């Protein structure tokens, strides 16, 4: 049976819609991610799937933003 988890990480540095899109695309590239949504106003990104939190944080940081779980 497959179970899908939802993870929320904090993302700092998003200032516009393009930033949100960049973060979402970076997160979707991580193995195990089925969907991602970033919100600059709350400084959070929600990720569906079974990806490792460390990999999610690293993907966001590689995209140029500060992130932590």
N, C-alpha and C. Protein backbone atom coordinates (compact mmCIF):
# COMPACT_ATOMS: atom_id res chain seq x y z
N UNK A 1 0.84 -1.17 0.00
CA UNK A 1 0.00 0.00 0.00
C UNK A 1 0.89 1.24 0.00
N UNK A 2 0.55 2.20 -0.83
CA UNK A 2 1.32 3.44 -0.95
C UNK A 2 0.71 4.49 -0.05
N UNK A 3 1.56 5.14 0.74
CA UNK A 3 1.05 6.22 1.56
C UNK A 3 1.79 7.49 1.20
N UNK A 4 1.05 8.55 1.06
CA UNK A 4 1.61 9.83 0.66
C UNK A 4 1.66 10.75 1.86
N UNK A 5 2.85 11.24 2.14
CA UNK A 5 3.00 12.17 3.25
C UNK A 5 3.00 13.59 2.72
N UNK A 6 2.70 14.51 3.59
CA UNK A 6 2.80 15.92 3.26
C UNK A 6 3.81 16.53 4.22
N UNK A 7 4.76 17.27 3.66
CA UNK A 7 5.81 17.90 4.45
C UNK A 7 5.78 19.39 4.18
N UNK A 8 5.99 20.17 5.21
CA UNK A 8 6.09 21.62 5.05
C UNK A 8 7.47 22.06 5.48
N UNK A 9 8.12 22.85 4.63
CA UNK A 9 9.41 23.41 4.97
C UNK A 9 9.33 24.93 4.89
N UNK A 10 10.19 25.59 5.61
CA UNK A 10 10.27 27.04 5.58
C UNK A 10 11.25 27.46 4.49
N UNK A 11 10.83 28.43 3.68
CA UNK A 11 11.68 28.92 2.60
C UNK A 11 11.76 30.44 2.71
N UNK A 12 12.96 30.95 2.87
CA UNK A 12 13.17 32.38 2.96
C UNK A 12 13.78 32.91 1.68
N UNK A 13 13.37 34.10 1.28
CA UNK A 13 13.96 34.74 0.11
C UNK A 13 13.06 34.82 -1.10
N UNK A 14 11.87 34.23 -1.04
CA UNK A 14 10.94 34.33 -2.16
C UNK A 14 10.29 35.72 -2.13
N UNK A 15 10.37 36.44 -3.25
CA UNK A 15 9.83 37.79 -3.28
C UNK A 15 8.74 37.99 -4.33
N UNK A 16 8.53 36.99 -5.20
CA UNK A 16 7.55 37.16 -6.28
C UNK A 16 7.03 35.80 -6.74
N UNK A 17 6.09 35.83 -7.64
CA UNK A 17 5.53 34.60 -8.18
C UNK A 17 6.55 33.74 -8.89
N UNK A 18 7.51 34.38 -9.55
CA UNK A 18 8.56 33.62 -10.22
C UNK A 18 9.39 32.85 -9.21
N UNK A 19 9.65 33.47 -8.06
CA UNK A 19 10.39 32.78 -6.99
C UNK A 19 9.63 31.53 -6.54
N UNK A 20 8.33 31.68 -6.34
CA UNK A 20 7.51 30.53 -5.94
C UNK A 20 7.61 29.42 -6.97
N UNK A 21 7.52 29.79 -8.24
CA UNK A 21 7.59 28.80 -9.31
C UNK A 21 8.96 28.11 -9.33
N UNK A 22 10.02 28.86 -9.12
CA UNK A 22 11.36 28.29 -9.09
C UNK A 22 11.49 27.27 -7.96
N UNK A 23 10.99 27.61 -6.78
CA UNK A 23 11.04 26.70 -5.64
C UNK A 23 10.21 25.45 -5.92
N UNK A 24 9.01 25.62 -6.45
CA UNK A 24 8.15 24.47 -6.76
C UNK A 24 8.83 23.54 -7.75
N UNK A 25 9.43 24.10 -8.80
CA UNK A 25 10.10 23.27 -9.80
C UNK A 25 11.28 22.53 -9.20
N UNK A 26 12.04 23.20 -8.33
CA UNK A 26 13.19 22.55 -7.68
C UNK A 26 12.71 21.38 -6.82
N UNK A 27 11.63 21.60 -6.08
CA UNK A 27 11.10 20.54 -5.21
C UNK A 27 10.56 19.37 -6.01
N UNK A 28 9.90 19.64 -7.12
CA UNK A 28 9.33 18.56 -7.94
C UNK A 28 10.40 17.68 -8.57
N UNK A 29 11.63 18.18 -8.65
CA UNK A 29 12.73 17.40 -9.21
C UNK A 29 13.27 16.37 -8.21
N UNK A 30 12.93 16.53 -6.94
CA UNK A 30 13.43 15.62 -5.92
C UNK A 30 12.69 14.28 -6.02
N UNK A 31 13.45 13.22 -5.96
CA UNK A 31 12.87 11.88 -6.04
C UNK A 31 11.85 11.66 -4.92
N UNK A 32 10.68 11.18 -5.28
CA UNK A 32 9.63 10.89 -4.31
C UNK A 32 8.59 11.99 -4.19
N UNK A 33 8.84 13.15 -4.78
CA UNK A 33 7.88 14.26 -4.69
C UNK A 33 6.80 14.07 -5.75
N UNK A 34 5.53 14.14 -5.32
CA UNK A 34 4.42 14.04 -6.27
C UNK A 34 3.83 15.40 -6.59
N UNK A 35 3.96 16.37 -5.67
CA UNK A 35 3.49 17.73 -5.93
C UNK A 35 4.14 18.67 -4.93
N UNK A 36 4.21 19.95 -5.30
CA UNK A 36 4.79 20.96 -4.42
C UNK A 36 4.10 22.29 -4.66
N UNK A 37 3.92 23.05 -3.60
CA UNK A 37 3.34 24.38 -3.69
C UNK A 37 4.09 25.30 -2.74
N UNK A 38 4.53 26.45 -3.25
CA UNK A 38 5.26 27.41 -2.44
C UNK A 38 4.42 28.67 -2.26
N UNK A 39 4.55 29.28 -1.09
CA UNK A 39 3.81 30.52 -0.79
C UNK A 39 4.78 31.52 -0.18
N UNK A 40 5.08 32.58 -0.92
CA UNK A 40 6.07 33.56 -0.45
C UNK A 40 5.61 34.33 0.77
N UNK A 41 4.30 34.56 0.91
CA UNK A 41 3.81 35.34 2.04
C UNK A 41 3.94 34.60 3.36
N UNK A 42 3.72 33.29 3.34
CA UNK A 42 3.89 32.51 4.57
C UNK A 42 5.31 31.97 4.72
N UNK A 43 6.11 32.16 3.66
CA UNK A 43 7.49 31.64 3.61
C UNK A 43 7.52 30.14 3.83
N UNK A 44 6.58 29.43 3.19
CA UNK A 44 6.54 27.99 3.34
C UNK A 44 6.31 27.31 1.99
N UNK A 45 6.74 26.07 1.94
CA UNK A 45 6.47 25.22 0.80
C UNK A 45 5.90 23.90 1.32
N UNK A 46 4.81 23.47 0.72
CA UNK A 46 4.20 22.19 1.08
C UNK A 46 4.54 21.18 -0.01
N UNK A 47 4.97 20.01 0.42
CA UNK A 47 5.41 18.99 -0.51
C UNK A 47 4.66 17.70 -0.23
N UNK A 48 4.08 17.11 -1.28
CA UNK A 48 3.43 15.81 -1.17
C UNK A 48 4.36 14.74 -1.72
N UNK A 49 4.36 13.61 -1.07
CA UNK A 49 5.19 12.50 -1.51
C UNK A 49 5.98 11.94 -0.35
N UNK A 50 6.97 11.11 -0.67
CA UNK A 50 7.75 10.47 0.38
C UNK A 50 9.23 10.83 0.28
N UNK A 51 9.51 12.05 -0.14
CA UNK A 51 10.90 12.50 -0.28
C UNK A 51 11.52 12.78 1.09
N UNK A 52 12.82 12.64 1.15
CA UNK A 52 13.58 12.92 2.36
C UNK A 52 13.63 14.43 2.59
N UNK A 53 13.36 14.86 3.81
CA UNK A 53 13.33 16.29 4.14
C UNK A 53 14.67 16.96 3.85
N UNK A 54 15.75 16.27 4.12
CA UNK A 54 17.08 16.83 3.85
C UNK A 54 17.25 17.12 2.36
N UNK A 55 16.75 16.22 1.52
CA UNK A 55 16.85 16.42 0.07
C UNK A 55 16.00 17.61 -0.37
N UNK A 56 14.85 17.81 0.26
CA UNK A 56 13.99 18.94 -0.08
C UNK A 56 14.68 20.25 0.26
N UNK A 57 15.24 20.33 1.45
CA UNK A 57 15.95 21.54 1.88
C UNK A 57 17.12 21.81 0.94
N UNK A 58 17.87 20.78 0.59
CA UNK A 58 19.02 20.95 -0.30
C UNK A 58 18.60 21.44 -1.68
N UNK A 59 17.49 20.93 -2.20
CA UNK A 59 17.01 21.35 -3.52
C UNK A 59 16.65 22.83 -3.53
N UNK A 60 16.01 23.29 -2.47
CA UNK A 60 15.64 24.70 -2.38
C UNK A 60 16.89 25.56 -2.24
N UNK A 61 17.83 25.12 -1.44
CA UNK A 61 19.07 25.89 -1.27
C UNK A 61 19.87 25.92 -2.57
N UNK A 62 19.86 24.82 -3.31
CA UNK A 62 20.54 24.78 -4.61
C UNK A 62 19.90 25.75 -5.60
N UNK A 63 18.62 26.03 -5.41
CA UNK A 63 17.90 26.97 -6.28
C UNK A 63 18.14 28.42 -5.86
N UNK A 64 18.85 28.63 -4.74
CA UNK A 64 19.22 29.97 -4.35
C UNK A 64 18.45 30.58 -3.19
N UNK A 65 17.73 29.76 -2.46
CA UNK A 65 16.93 30.25 -1.34
C UNK A 65 17.39 29.59 -0.04
N UNK A 66 17.01 30.17 1.07
CA UNK A 66 17.32 29.59 2.36
C UNK A 66 16.13 28.72 2.79
N UNK A 67 16.41 27.52 3.23
CA UNK A 67 15.32 26.61 3.62
C UNK A 67 15.71 25.81 4.84
N UNK A 68 14.71 25.47 5.61
CA UNK A 68 14.90 24.56 6.74
C UNK A 68 13.58 23.90 7.10
N UNK A 69 13.71 22.72 7.71
CA UNK A 69 12.52 21.94 8.05
C UNK A 69 12.01 22.31 9.42
